[in-house]
């Protein structure tokens, strides 16, 4: 058996502002942007070098979904992004206005900080330690 998570849906307020944030501020690649109807698009972004799981940017289509934008996990860290060079990417993100809500610190598993995306979702930003790099 071979299974994997291909995409995670992230509810957003607006497709274009979300694309701009992920591609310009976090340096993600826009994988796909296909119009499905007058109100719906299939928008997929991915961190540079990612060969597995992508983000599907899904525009909120009703009040309940709109209320979830920025709080899909009830205030907990939602996504975990690994890097091969923490300080390079951290400084780049700070220069581009990314708001870190927990400063960088060294943990047994690597260097980590927590940032918010444009809607307030929390992300762990991690450079795994060498013994954890296969995680």
Protein backbone atom coordinates (compact mmCIF):
# COMPACT_ATOMS: atom_id res chain seq x y z
CA UNK A 1 0.00 0.00 0.00
CA UNK A 2 1.26 3.47 -0.87
CA UNK A 3 -0.58 6.53 0.39
CA UNK A 4 0.34 10.16 0.93
CA UNK A 5 -1.25 13.50 1.64
CA UNK A 6 -1.12 15.39 -1.64
CA UNK A 7 -2.69 18.71 -0.60
CA UNK A 8 -4.04 20.51 2.42
CA UNK A 9 -6.89 22.97 1.91
CA UNK A 10 -6.29 26.39 3.43
CA UNK A 11 -9.39 28.59 3.58
CA UNK A 12 -8.59 32.14 2.39
CA UNK A 13 -10.56 35.37 1.95
CA UNK A 14 -9.31 36.16 -1.54
CA UNK A 15 -7.42 34.10 -4.11
CA UNK A 16 -5.22 36.88 -5.45
CA UNK A 17 -4.10 38.27 -2.08
CA UNK A 18 -3.32 34.73 -0.90
CA UNK A 19 -1.33 33.96 -4.06
CA UNK A 20 0.61 37.19 -3.65
CA UNK A 21 1.40 36.44 0.00
CA UNK A 22 2.56 32.87 -0.56
CA UNK A 23 4.55 33.55 -3.73
CA UNK A 24 6.02 36.97 -2.84
CA UNK A 25 6.47 36.78 0.94
CA UNK A 26 7.12 33.06 1.48
CA UNK A 27 8.68 32.43 -1.96
CA UNK A 28 6.30 29.56 -2.78
CA UNK A 29 5.73 28.42 -6.34
CA UNK A 30 2.30 28.81 -7.93
CA UNK A 31 1.63 25.29 -9.20
CA UNK A 32 -1.86 25.81 -10.62
CA UNK A 33 -4.50 28.52 -10.93
CA UNK A 34 -7.47 27.17 -12.86
CA UNK A 35 -10.84 28.95 -13.09
CA UNK A 36 -13.64 26.50 -12.31
CA UNK A 37 -16.57 28.94 -12.25
CA UNK A 38 -17.30 32.63 -11.76
CA UNK A 39 -16.60 32.26 -8.04
CA UNK A 40 -14.29 29.25 -7.73
CA UNK A 41 -10.69 28.57 -8.73
CA UNK A 42 -8.34 25.63 -8.18
CA UNK A 43 -5.25 27.34 -6.74
CA UNK A 44 -2.28 25.28 -5.60
CA UNK A 45 0.98 26.65 -4.14
CA UNK A 46 4.04 24.88 -2.81
CA UNK A 47 7.29 25.74 -1.07
CA UNK A 48 10.34 25.70 -3.34
CA UNK A 49 11.70 22.17 -3.58
CA UNK A 50 8.58 20.49 -2.14
CA UNK A 51 7.84 17.19 -3.84
CA UNK A 52 5.01 16.01 -1.63
CA UNK A 53 2.28 18.02 0.04
CA UNK A 54 0.97 21.28 -1.46
CA UNK A 55 -1.47 23.93 -0.24
CA UNK A 56 -4.81 24.25 -1.98
CA UNK A 57 -5.96 27.86 -1.47
CA UNK A 58 -9.73 27.58 -1.09
CA UNK A 59 -11.73 30.82 -1.03
CA UNK A 60 -14.34 30.93 1.72
CA UNK A 61 -17.75 30.57 0.09
CA UNK A 62 -20.08 31.15 3.06
CA UNK A 63 -20.14 32.81 6.50
CA UNK A 64 -19.08 29.68 8.38
CA UNK A 65 -16.01 29.24 6.16
CA UNK A 66 -15.21 32.95 6.39
CA UNK A 67 -15.23 32.68 10.19
CA UNK A 68 -12.57 29.93 9.94
CA UNK A 69 -10.13 32.00 7.88
CA UNK A 70 -7.00 32.42 9.98
CA UNK A 71 -8.17 30.07 12.70
CA UNK A 72 -8.52 26.65 11.12
CA UNK A 73 -7.01 24.94 14.17
CA UNK A 74 -8.47 26.96 17.02
CA UNK A 75 -5.30 28.97 17.62
CA UNK A 76 -2.78 26.11 17.53
CA UNK A 77 0.10 25.90 15.11
CA UNK A 78 -1.45 24.70 11.86
CA UNK A 79 1.36 23.98 9.42
CA UNK A 80 5.01 22.99 9.75
CA UNK A 81 7.50 24.23 7.16
CA UNK A 82 11.03 22.83 7.07
CA UNK A 83 14.03 24.61 5.58
CA UNK A 84 17.63 23.68 4.81
CA UNK A 85 18.89 27.13 5.96
CA UNK A 86 16.93 28.63 8.83
CA UNK A 87 18.75 31.95 9.12
CA UNK A 88 18.77 32.69 5.38
CA UNK A 89 15.03 32.15 5.13
CA UNK A 90 14.21 33.72 8.50
CA UNK A 91 15.98 36.98 7.60
CA UNK A 92 14.34 37.02 4.16
CA UNK A 93 10.91 36.52 5.71
CA UNK A 94 11.48 39.26 8.30
CA UNK A 95 12.60 41.66 5.53
CA UNK A 96 9.37 40.88 3.65
CA UNK A 97 7.24 41.71 6.69
CA UNK A 98 6.43 38.23 7.99
CA UNK A 99 5.40 38.54 11.63
CA UNK A 100 7.10 36.05 13.94
CA UNK A 101 5.17 35.59 17.15
CA UNK A 102 7.75 33.31 18.79
CA UNK A 103 11.41 34.12 18.28
CA UNK A 104 13.94 31.59 16.99
CA UNK A 105 15.19 29.09 19.51
CA UNK A 106 17.28 25.95 19.50
CA UNK A 107 15.43 22.78 20.43
CA UNK A 108 16.58 19.15 20.41
CA UNK A 109 14.86 18.64 17.08
CA UNK A 110 16.30 21.80 15.45
CA UNK A 111 15.99 25.57 15.15
CA UNK A 112 12.38 26.77 15.27
CA UNK A 113 10.28 29.94 15.26
CA UNK A 114 6.55 30.53 14.86
CA UNK A 115 5.10 32.97 12.33
CA UNK A 116 1.66 34.07 11.18
CA UNK A 117 0.45 33.98 7.61
CA UNK A 118 -1.58 36.87 6.18
CA UNK A 119 -4.74 35.70 7.94
CA UNK A 120 -3.23 34.76 11.30
CA UNK A 121 -2.76 31.00 10.88
CA UNK A 122 0.27 29.89 12.88
CA UNK A 123 3.20 28.07 11.28
CA UNK A 124 6.22 26.38 12.83
CA UNK A 125 9.28 27.28 10.76
CA UNK A 126 11.97 24.66 11.37
CA UNK A 127 15.45 23.66 10.32
CA UNK A 128 15.66 20.12 11.66
CA UNK A 129 18.82 19.11 13.47
CA UNK A 130 21.01 16.76 11.44
CA UNK A 131 19.75 13.67 13.29
CA UNK A 132 16.15 14.73 12.55
CA UNK A 133 16.60 15.92 8.97
CA UNK A 134 14.85 12.88 7.48
CA UNK A 135 11.62 13.75 9.35
